[in-house]
Amino acid sequence: MAWYHKLQRWYWKVMKPVTLGVRVIVTDEKRGVLLIRHTYVKGWYLPGGGVEKGESFFDAARRELLEECGLVAEDIRLCHLFYSEREGKRDHIALFHVANGHEHEERAKDDGEVAEMRFFPWDQLPDDLSPATSRRLDEFRSGSFREDRW
């Protein structure tokens, strides 16, 4: 999977495609915030991924949450829209919030992409959060999204 991710990044730098993506802040009153660790990059991230052809941002967020975490998001709220050129592509990212998502009968499929997922109490977030994840969580907790760049 790591070689594929490197190939994707090379392609993005050369072709500069327009891409659409989603990230989801999943909160639970008792457990905190849900984060995932991928197999192909270091650090902890918000669940999410790309928007597929014919899919809305909302549908993509629900699908990614189910695929990566085995969670169903009935009440999903759009928080903010962002733009990024960080990986060489022109990426538009919709950030959503789901409070108290519940597990689906069928757990998340193990496609080798997610190494670990767990809830972290707000006062015990991991040290190796991705920089963008850290910024998004700070903004979410403050109730104000100050930036439009991811």
N, C-alpha and C. Protein backbone atom coordinates (compact mmCIF):
# COMPACT_ATOMS: atom_id res chain seq x y z
N MET A 1 0.82 -1.19 0.00
CA MET A 1 0.00 0.00 0.00
C MET A 1 0.87 1.26 0.00
N ALA A 2 2.02 1.22 0.64
CA ALA A 2 2.88 2.40 0.70
C ALA A 2 3.38 2.78 -0.69
N TRP A 3 3.73 1.80 -1.52
CA TRP A 3 4.22 2.09 -2.87
C TRP A 3 3.12 2.76 -3.70
N TYR A 4 1.88 2.32 -3.51
CA TYR A 4 0.76 2.89 -4.25
C TYR A 4 0.56 4.36 -3.86
N HIS A 5 0.67 4.65 -2.58
CA HIS A 5 0.53 6.03 -2.10
C HIS A 5 1.63 6.92 -2.69
N LYS A 6 2.85 6.41 -2.78
CA LYS A 6 3.95 7.18 -3.36
C LYS A 6 3.69 7.43 -4.85
N LEU A 7 3.19 6.44 -5.55
CA LEU A 7 2.87 6.59 -6.97
C LEU A 7 1.76 7.62 -7.16
N GLN A 8 0.75 7.60 -6.30
CA GLN A 8 -0.33 8.59 -6.36
C GLN A 8 0.23 10.00 -6.20
N ARG A 9 1.08 10.19 -5.24
CA ARG A 9 1.64 11.53 -4.99
C ARG A 9 2.44 12.02 -6.18
N TRP A 10 3.20 11.14 -6.82
CA TRP A 10 3.95 11.52 -8.02
C TRP A 10 2.98 11.95 -9.11
N TYR A 11 1.92 11.17 -9.33
CA TYR A 11 0.91 11.48 -10.35
C TYR A 11 0.28 12.85 -10.06
N TRP A 12 -0.09 13.09 -8.80
CA TRP A 12 -0.72 14.36 -8.43
C TRP A 12 0.19 15.55 -8.72
N LYS A 13 1.48 15.40 -8.43
CA LYS A 13 2.41 16.50 -8.67
C LYS A 13 2.55 16.82 -10.16
N VAL A 14 2.49 15.78 -10.99
CA VAL A 14 2.65 15.97 -12.43
C VAL A 14 1.35 16.46 -13.07
N MET A 15 0.23 15.84 -12.74
CA MET A 15 -1.04 16.12 -13.42
C MET A 15 -1.88 17.20 -12.74
N LYS A 16 -1.65 17.46 -11.46
CA LYS A 16 -2.41 18.45 -10.68
C LYS A 16 -3.93 18.32 -10.87
N PRO A 17 -4.47 17.13 -10.59
CA PRO A 17 -5.92 16.95 -10.77
C PRO A 17 -6.73 17.69 -9.71
N VAL A 18 -7.99 17.95 -10.04
CA VAL A 18 -8.93 18.47 -9.06
C VAL A 18 -9.54 17.26 -8.37
N THR A 19 -9.46 17.23 -7.04
CA THR A 19 -10.01 16.11 -6.29
C THR A 19 -10.96 16.63 -5.22
N LEU A 20 -11.85 15.75 -4.81
CA LEU A 20 -12.81 16.06 -3.76
C LEU A 20 -12.62 15.05 -2.64
N GLY A 21 -12.60 15.53 -1.41
CA GLY A 21 -12.41 14.64 -0.28
C GLY A 21 -13.27 15.04 0.90
N VAL A 22 -13.33 14.13 1.86
CA VAL A 22 -14.09 14.37 3.09
C VAL A 22 -13.25 13.92 4.28
N ARG A 23 -13.47 14.57 5.40
CA ARG A 23 -12.95 14.15 6.70
C ARG A 23 -14.10 14.29 7.68
N VAL A 24 -14.08 13.43 8.71
CA VAL A 24 -15.18 13.41 9.66
C VAL A 24 -14.65 13.46 11.09
N ILE A 25 -15.14 14.43 11.85
CA ILE A 25 -14.87 14.48 13.28
C ILE A 25 -16.00 13.72 13.96
N VAL A 26 -15.66 12.57 14.54
CA VAL A 26 -16.64 11.76 15.26
C VAL A 26 -16.41 11.95 16.74
N THR A 27 -17.43 12.44 17.42
CA THR A 27 -17.29 12.66 18.86
C THR A 27 -18.26 11.77 19.62
N ASP A 28 -17.85 11.42 20.81
CA ASP A 28 -18.66 10.64 21.73
C ASP A 28 -18.51 11.31 23.09
N GLU A 29 -19.62 11.62 23.74
CA GLU A 29 -19.56 12.35 25.01
C GLU A 29 -18.67 11.67 26.04
N LYS A 30 -18.66 10.35 26.07
CA LYS A 30 -17.89 9.63 27.09
C LYS A 30 -16.48 9.29 26.64
N ARG A 31 -16.29 9.01 25.34
CA ARG A 31 -14.99 8.52 24.87
C ARG A 31 -14.11 9.57 24.21
N GLY A 32 -14.66 10.70 23.80
CA GLY A 32 -13.85 11.74 23.17
C GLY A 32 -14.01 11.78 21.67
N VAL A 33 -12.88 11.82 20.95
CA VAL A 33 -12.88 11.97 19.49
C VAL A 33 -12.22 10.75 18.84
N LEU A 34 -12.78 10.31 17.73
CA LEU A 34 -12.28 9.14 17.03
C LEU A 34 -11.17 9.54 16.06
N LEU A 35 -10.04 8.83 16.14
CA LEU A 35 -8.93 9.04 15.22
C LEU A 35 -8.49 7.70 14.64
N ILE A 36 -7.89 7.77 13.45
CA ILE A 36 -7.37 6.55 12.83
C ILE A 36 -5.90 6.73 12.48
N ARG A 37 -5.23 5.60 12.41
CA ARG A 37 -3.84 5.55 11.96
C ARG A 37 -3.82 4.69 10.70
N HIS A 38 -3.28 5.23 9.61
CA HIS A 38 -3.20 4.51 8.35
C HIS A 38 -1.96 3.62 8.32
N THR A 39 -1.97 2.66 7.39
CA THR A 39 -0.83 1.78 7.24
C THR A 39 0.28 2.41 6.39
N TYR A 40 -0.04 3.46 5.64
CA TYR A 40 0.90 3.99 4.66
C TYR A 40 1.47 5.37 5.00
N VAL A 41 1.03 6.00 6.08
CA VAL A 41 1.61 7.27 6.54
C VAL A 41 1.66 7.24 8.07
N LYS A 42 2.54 8.04 8.62
CA LYS A 42 2.67 8.10 10.08
C LYS A 42 1.67 9.09 10.66
N GLY A 43 1.28 8.86 11.89
CA GLY A 43 0.44 9.79 12.62
C GLY A 43 -1.02 9.38 12.67
N TRP A 44 -1.77 10.17 13.43
CA TRP A 44 -3.21 9.96 13.61
C TRP A 44 -3.98 10.99 12.81
N TYR A 45 -5.09 10.56 12.20
CA TYR A 45 -5.89 11.38 11.31
C TYR A 45 -7.37 11.25 11.63
N LEU A 46 -8.14 12.16 11.08
CA LEU A 46 -9.59 12.03 11.09
C LEU A 46 -9.98 11.02 10.01
N PRO A 47 -11.01 10.21 10.24
CA PRO A 47 -11.47 9.30 9.18
C PRO A 47 -11.91 10.10 7.96
N GLY A 48 -11.75 9.50 6.80
CA GLY A 48 -12.20 10.17 5.58
C GLY A 48 -11.52 9.62 4.35
N GLY A 49 -11.78 10.27 3.22
CA GLY A 49 -11.20 9.82 1.96
C GLY A 49 -11.79 10.58 0.80
N GLY A 50 -11.69 9.98 -0.37
CA GLY A 50 -12.12 10.64 -1.60
C GLY A 50 -13.60 10.48 -1.88
N VAL A 51 -14.13 11.45 -2.61
CA VAL A 51 -15.51 11.41 -3.07
C VAL A 51 -15.51 10.69 -4.41
N GLU A 52 -16.33 9.66 -4.54
CA GLU A 52 -16.38 8.87 -5.77
C GLU A 52 -17.35 9.50 -6.77
N LYS A 53 -17.19 9.13 -8.03
CA LYS A 53 -18.04 9.64 -9.11
C LYS A 53 -19.51 9.38 -8.78
N GLY A 54 -20.33 10.43 -8.91
CA GLY A 54 -21.76 10.32 -8.66
C GLY A 54 -22.16 10.40 -7.19
N GLU A 55 -21.20 10.65 -6.32
CA GLU A 55 -21.44 10.67 -4.88
C GLU A 55 -21.44 12.10 -4.37
N SER A 56 -22.31 12.41 -3.42
CA SER A 56 -22.28 13.72 -2.78
C SER A 56 -21.22 13.70 -1.68
N PHE A 57 -20.86 14.89 -1.20
CA PHE A 57 -19.94 14.96 -0.07
C PHE A 57 -20.51 14.20 1.13
N PHE A 58 -21.81 14.38 1.39
CA PHE A 58 -22.45 13.71 2.52
C PHE A 58 -22.40 12.19 2.37
N ASP A 59 -22.72 11.71 1.17
CA ASP A 59 -22.67 10.26 0.92
C ASP A 59 -21.26 9.72 1.11
N ALA A 60 -20.27 10.46 0.63
CA ALA A 60 -18.88 10.03 0.76
C ALA A 60 -18.46 9.95 2.23
N ALA A 61 -18.86 10.95 3.01
CA ALA A 61 -18.52 10.94 4.44
C ALA A 61 -19.13 9.72 5.13
N ARG A 62 -20.40 9.45 4.83
CA ARG A 62 -21.05 8.27 5.42
C ARG A 62 -20.36 6.98 5.00
N ARG A 63 -20.03 6.86 3.70
CA ARG A 63 -19.39 5.66 3.19
C ARG A 63 -18.02 5.46 3.81
N GLU A 64 -17.21 6.51 3.84
CA GLU A 64 -15.86 6.40 4.42
C GLU A 64 -15.92 6.02 5.89
N LEU A 65 -16.85 6.58 6.61
CA LEU A 65 -16.99 6.26 8.03
C LEU A 65 -17.36 4.79 8.22
N LEU A 66 -18.24 4.30 7.37
CA LEU A 66 -18.63 2.89 7.44
C LEU A 66 -17.47 1.99 7.03
N GLU A 67 -16.80 2.32 5.92
CA GLU A 67 -15.71 1.47 5.42
C GLU A 67 -14.52 1.45 6.37
N GLU A 68 -14.11 2.61 6.84
CA GLU A 68 -12.90 2.68 7.66
C GLU A 68 -13.13 2.31 9.12
N CYS A 69 -14.32 2.64 9.64
CA CYS A 69 -14.54 2.52 11.08
C CYS A 69 -15.71 1.62 11.46
N GLY A 70 -16.51 1.21 10.48
CA GLY A 70 -17.68 0.38 10.80
C GLY A 70 -18.76 1.15 11.52
N LEU A 71 -18.79 2.48 11.33
CA LEU A 71 -19.76 3.33 12.01
C LEU A 71 -20.81 3.85 11.04
N VAL A 72 -22.04 3.95 11.54
CA VAL A 72 -23.15 4.52 10.79
C VAL A 72 -23.38 5.94 11.32
N ALA A 73 -23.45 6.88 10.39
CA ALA A 73 -23.65 8.28 10.75
C ALA A 73 -25.05 8.70 10.32
N GLU A 74 -25.97 8.72 11.26
CA GLU A 74 -27.33 9.14 10.93
C GLU A 74 -27.46 10.66 10.94
N ASP A 75 -26.87 11.29 11.92
CA ASP A 75 -26.93 12.74 12.03
C ASP A 75 -25.55 13.31 11.71
N ILE A 76 -25.42 13.82 10.49
CA ILE A 76 -24.13 14.32 10.03
C ILE A 76 -24.27 15.80 9.69
N ARG A 77 -23.29 16.59 10.12
CA ARG A 77 -23.36 18.04 9.95
C ARG A 77 -22.10 18.55 9.27
N LEU A 78 -22.28 19.38 8.25
CA LEU A 78 -21.15 20.00 7.57
C LEU A 78 -20.57 21.10 8.45
N CYS A 79 -19.27 21.05 8.69
CA CYS A 79 -18.60 22.06 9.51
C CYS A 79 -17.98 23.17 8.68
N HIS A 80 -17.26 22.77 7.61
CA HIS A 80 -16.51 23.77 6.85
C HIS A 80 -16.01 23.13 5.55
N LEU A 81 -15.69 23.97 4.57
CA LEU A 81 -15.07 23.54 3.32
C LEU A 81 -13.66 24.11 3.24
N PHE A 82 -12.74 23.29 2.76
CA PHE A 82 -11.33 23.67 2.70
C PHE A 82 -10.77 23.41 1.31
N TYR A 83 -9.61 24.03 1.05
CA TYR A 83 -8.87 23.83 -0.19
C TYR A 83 -7.42 23.52 0.17
N SER A 84 -6.81 22.61 -0.59
CA SER A 84 -5.42 22.26 -0.33
C SER A 84 -4.69 21.93 -1.62
N GLU A 85 -3.43 22.37 -1.69
CA GLU A 85 -2.54 21.96 -2.77
C GLU A 85 -1.33 21.24 -2.19
N ARG A 86 -1.45 20.84 -0.93
CA ARG A 86 -0.32 20.29 -0.19
C ARG A 86 0.30 19.05 -0.84
N GLU A 87 -0.50 18.16 -1.40
CA GLU A 87 0.04 16.93 -1.99
C GLU A 87 0.24 17.05 -3.49
N GLY A 88 0.11 18.26 -4.04
CA GLY A 88 0.31 18.45 -5.46
C GLY A 88 -0.97 18.47 -6.27
N LYS A 89 -2.06 18.10 -5.67
CA LYS A 89 -3.35 18.15 -6.36
C LYS A 89 -4.13 19.36 -5.89
N ARG A 90 -5.19 19.69 -6.58
CA ARG A 90 -6.07 20.78 -6.16
C ARG A 90 -7.25 20.12 -5.46
N ASP A 91 -7.14 20.01 -4.15
CA ASP A 91 -8.06 19.20 -3.35
C ASP A 91 -9.06 20.09 -2.61
N HIS A 92 -10.32 19.74 -2.72
CA HIS A 92 -11.41 20.40 -1.98
C HIS A 92 -11.90 19.40 -0.94
N ILE A 93 -11.89 19.81 0.31
CA ILE A 93 -12.19 18.90 1.42
C ILE A 93 -13.37 19.43 2.23
N ALA A 94 -14.36 18.59 2.40
CA ALA A 94 -15.52 18.92 3.24
C ALA A 94 -15.31 18.25 4.60
N LEU A 95 -15.39 19.05 5.65
CA LEU A 95 -15.23 18.54 7.01
C LEU A 95 -16.60 18.43 7.66
N PHE A 96 -16.89 17.25 8.19
CA PHE A 96 -18.18 16.96 8.81
C PHE A 96 -18.01 16.64 10.29
N HIS A 97 -19.12 16.71 11.01
CA HIS A 97 -19.16 16.29 12.41
C HIS A 97 -20.28 15.28 12.58
N VAL A 98 -19.96 14.21 13.29
CA VAL A 98 -20.94 13.19 13.66
C VAL A 98 -20.83 13.00 15.16
N ALA A 99 -21.95 13.18 15.84
CA ALA A 99 -21.98 12.95 17.29
C ALA A 99 -22.59 11.58 17.54
N ASN A 100 -21.85 10.78 18.27
CA ASN A 100 -22.36 9.48 18.71
C ASN A 100 -22.81 8.57 17.58
N GLY A 101 -21.96 8.38 16.56
CA GLY A 101 -22.25 7.39 15.53
C GLY A 101 -22.32 6.01 16.16
N HIS A 102 -23.05 5.10 15.55
CA HIS A 102 -23.15 3.77 16.15
C HIS A 102 -22.59 2.71 15.21
N GLU A 103 -22.13 1.62 15.80
CA GLU A 103 -21.50 0.55 15.02
C GLU A 103 -22.52 -0.16 14.17
N HIS A 104 -22.11 -0.47 12.97
CA HIS A 104 -22.93 -1.23 12.03
C HIS A 104 -22.76 -2.71 12.37
N GLU A 105 -23.77 -3.52 12.03
CA GLU A 105 -23.67 -4.96 12.30
C GLU A 105 -22.43 -5.55 11.65
N GLU A 106 -22.11 -5.08 10.45
CA GLU A 106 -20.92 -5.52 9.75
C GLU A 106 -19.79 -4.55 10.08
N ARG A 107 -18.76 -5.05 10.69
CA ARG A 107 -17.61 -4.20 11.03
C ARG A 107 -16.96 -3.66 9.78
N ALA A 108 -16.08 -2.71 9.96
CA ALA A 108 -15.34 -2.13 8.84
C ALA A 108 -14.57 -3.22 8.12
N LYS A 109 -14.54 -3.14 6.80
CA LYS A 109 -13.78 -4.13 6.05
C LYS A 109 -12.30 -3.88 6.26
N ASP A 110 -11.53 -4.95 6.35
CA ASP A 110 -10.09 -4.80 6.53
C ASP A 110 -9.44 -4.82 5.15
N ASP A 111 -9.22 -3.62 4.60
CA ASP A 111 -8.61 -3.53 3.28
C ASP A 111 -7.13 -3.18 3.38
N GLY A 112 -6.58 -3.25 4.59
CA GLY A 112 -5.17 -2.97 4.78
C GLY A 112 -4.84 -1.49 4.86
N GLU A 113 -5.85 -0.62 4.86
CA GLU A 113 -5.61 0.83 4.86
C GLU A 113 -5.53 1.39 6.28
N VAL A 114 -6.38 0.92 7.17
CA VAL A 114 -6.43 1.43 8.54
C VAL A 114 -5.71 0.45 9.47
N ALA A 115 -4.65 0.94 10.11
CA ALA A 115 -3.88 0.12 11.03
C ALA A 115 -4.52 0.06 12.41
N GLU A 116 -5.14 1.19 12.81
CA GLU A 116 -5.72 1.28 14.15
C GLU A 116 -6.72 2.42 14.19
N MET A 117 -7.74 2.25 14.99
CA MET A 117 -8.69 3.33 15.24
C MET A 117 -9.08 3.28 16.71
N ARG A 118 -9.25 4.46 17.29
CA ARG A 118 -9.72 4.50 18.68
C ARG A 118 -10.14 5.91 19.06
N PHE A 119 -10.92 5.95 20.12
CA PHE A 119 -11.36 7.22 20.67
C PHE A 119 -10.31 7.71 21.67
N PHE A 120 -10.07 9.02 21.63
CA PHE A 120 -9.14 9.65 22.57
C PHE A 120 -9.89 10.71 23.36
N PRO A 121 -9.71 10.73 24.68
CA PRO A 121 -10.27 11.85 25.46
C PRO A 121 -9.65 13.15 24.96
N TRP A 122 -10.41 14.23 24.97
CA TRP A 122 -9.93 15.51 24.45
C TRP A 122 -8.65 15.98 25.12
N ASP A 123 -8.46 15.66 26.39
CA ASP A 123 -7.26 16.11 27.08
C ASP A 123 -6.11 15.10 26.99
N GLN A 124 -6.28 14.06 26.15
CA GLN A 124 -5.22 13.05 25.99
C GLN A 124 -5.02 12.69 24.51
N LEU A 125 -5.06 13.70 23.65
CA LEU A 125 -4.85 13.45 22.22
C LEU A 125 -3.41 12.99 21.99
N PRO A 126 -3.18 12.14 21.01
CA PRO A 126 -1.82 11.63 20.77
C PRO A 126 -0.87 12.74 20.32
N ASP A 127 0.41 12.57 20.62
CA ASP A 127 1.43 13.55 20.23
C ASP A 127 1.64 13.60 18.73
N ASP A 128 1.42 12.47 18.06
CA ASP A 128 1.70 12.41 16.63
C ASP A 128 0.45 12.59 15.76
N LEU A 129 -0.39 13.55 16.17
CA LEU A 129 -1.51 13.96 15.31
C LEU A 129 -0.94 14.60 14.05
N SER A 130 -1.57 14.39 12.91
CA SER A 130 -1.13 15.12 11.72
C SER A 130 -1.37 16.61 11.99
N PRO A 131 -0.54 17.49 11.43
CA PRO A 131 -0.72 18.93 11.67
C PRO A 131 -2.11 19.43 11.29
N ALA A 132 -2.64 18.98 10.15
CA ALA A 132 -3.98 19.44 9.73
C ALA A 132 -5.05 18.92 10.69
N THR A 133 -4.91 17.69 11.16
CA THR A 133 -5.88 17.14 12.11
C THR A 133 -5.87 17.96 13.40
N SER A 134 -4.69 18.30 13.86
CA SER A 134 -4.56 19.12 15.06
C SER A 134 -5.26 20.47 14.89
N ARG A 135 -5.03 21.12 13.73
CA ARG A 135 -5.67 22.41 13.47
C ARG A 135 -7.19 22.27 13.42
N ARG A 136 -7.68 21.25 12.73
CA ARG A 136 -9.13 21.07 12.61
C ARG A 136 -9.78 20.80 13.96
N LEU A 137 -9.13 20.01 14.81
CA LEU A 137 -9.70 19.73 16.13
C LEU A 137 -9.69 20.97 17.01
N ASP A 138 -8.62 21.77 16.92
CA ASP A 138 -8.57 23.02 17.69
C ASP A 138 -9.70 23.95 17.26
N GLU A 139 -9.89 24.08 15.94
CA GLU A 139 -10.94 24.95 15.43
C GLU A 139 -12.32 24.43 15.81
N PHE A 140 -12.51 23.12 15.72
CA PHE A 140 -13.79 22.51 16.09
C PHE A 140 -14.13 22.81 17.55
N ARG A 141 -13.16 22.63 18.41
CA ARG A 141 -13.39 22.85 19.84
C ARG A 141 -13.63 24.32 20.16
N SER A 142 -13.03 25.21 19.39
CA SER A 142 -13.23 26.65 19.63
C SER A 142 -14.55 27.13 19.01
N GLY A 143 -15.12 26.34 18.12
CA GLY A 143 -16.37 26.71 17.46
C GLY A 143 -16.19 27.69 16.33
N SER A 144 -14.94 27.84 15.85
CA SER A 144 -14.67 28.82 14.79
C SER A 144 -13.62 28.27 13.84
N PHE A 145 -14.00 28.10 12.58
CA PHE A 145 -13.05 27.67 11.56
C PHE A 145 -12.50 28.93 10.90
N ARG A 146 -11.25 29.26 11.22
CA ARG A 146 -10.63 30.51 10.81
C ARG A 146 -9.96 30.45 9.45
N GLU A 147 -9.66 29.26 8.98
CA GLU A 147 -8.92 29.12 7.73
C GLU A 147 -9.79 28.43 6.68
N ASP A 148 -9.46 28.68 5.42
CA ASP A 148 -10.09 27.95 4.32
C ASP A 148 -9.10 27.00 3.66
N ARG A 149 -7.85 27.06 4.09
CA ARG A 149 -6.82 26.15 3.58
C ARG A 149 -6.64 25.00 4.55
N TRP A 150 -6.59 23.81 4.04
CA TRP A 150 -6.47 22.62 4.87
C TRP A 150 -5.11 22.64 5.57
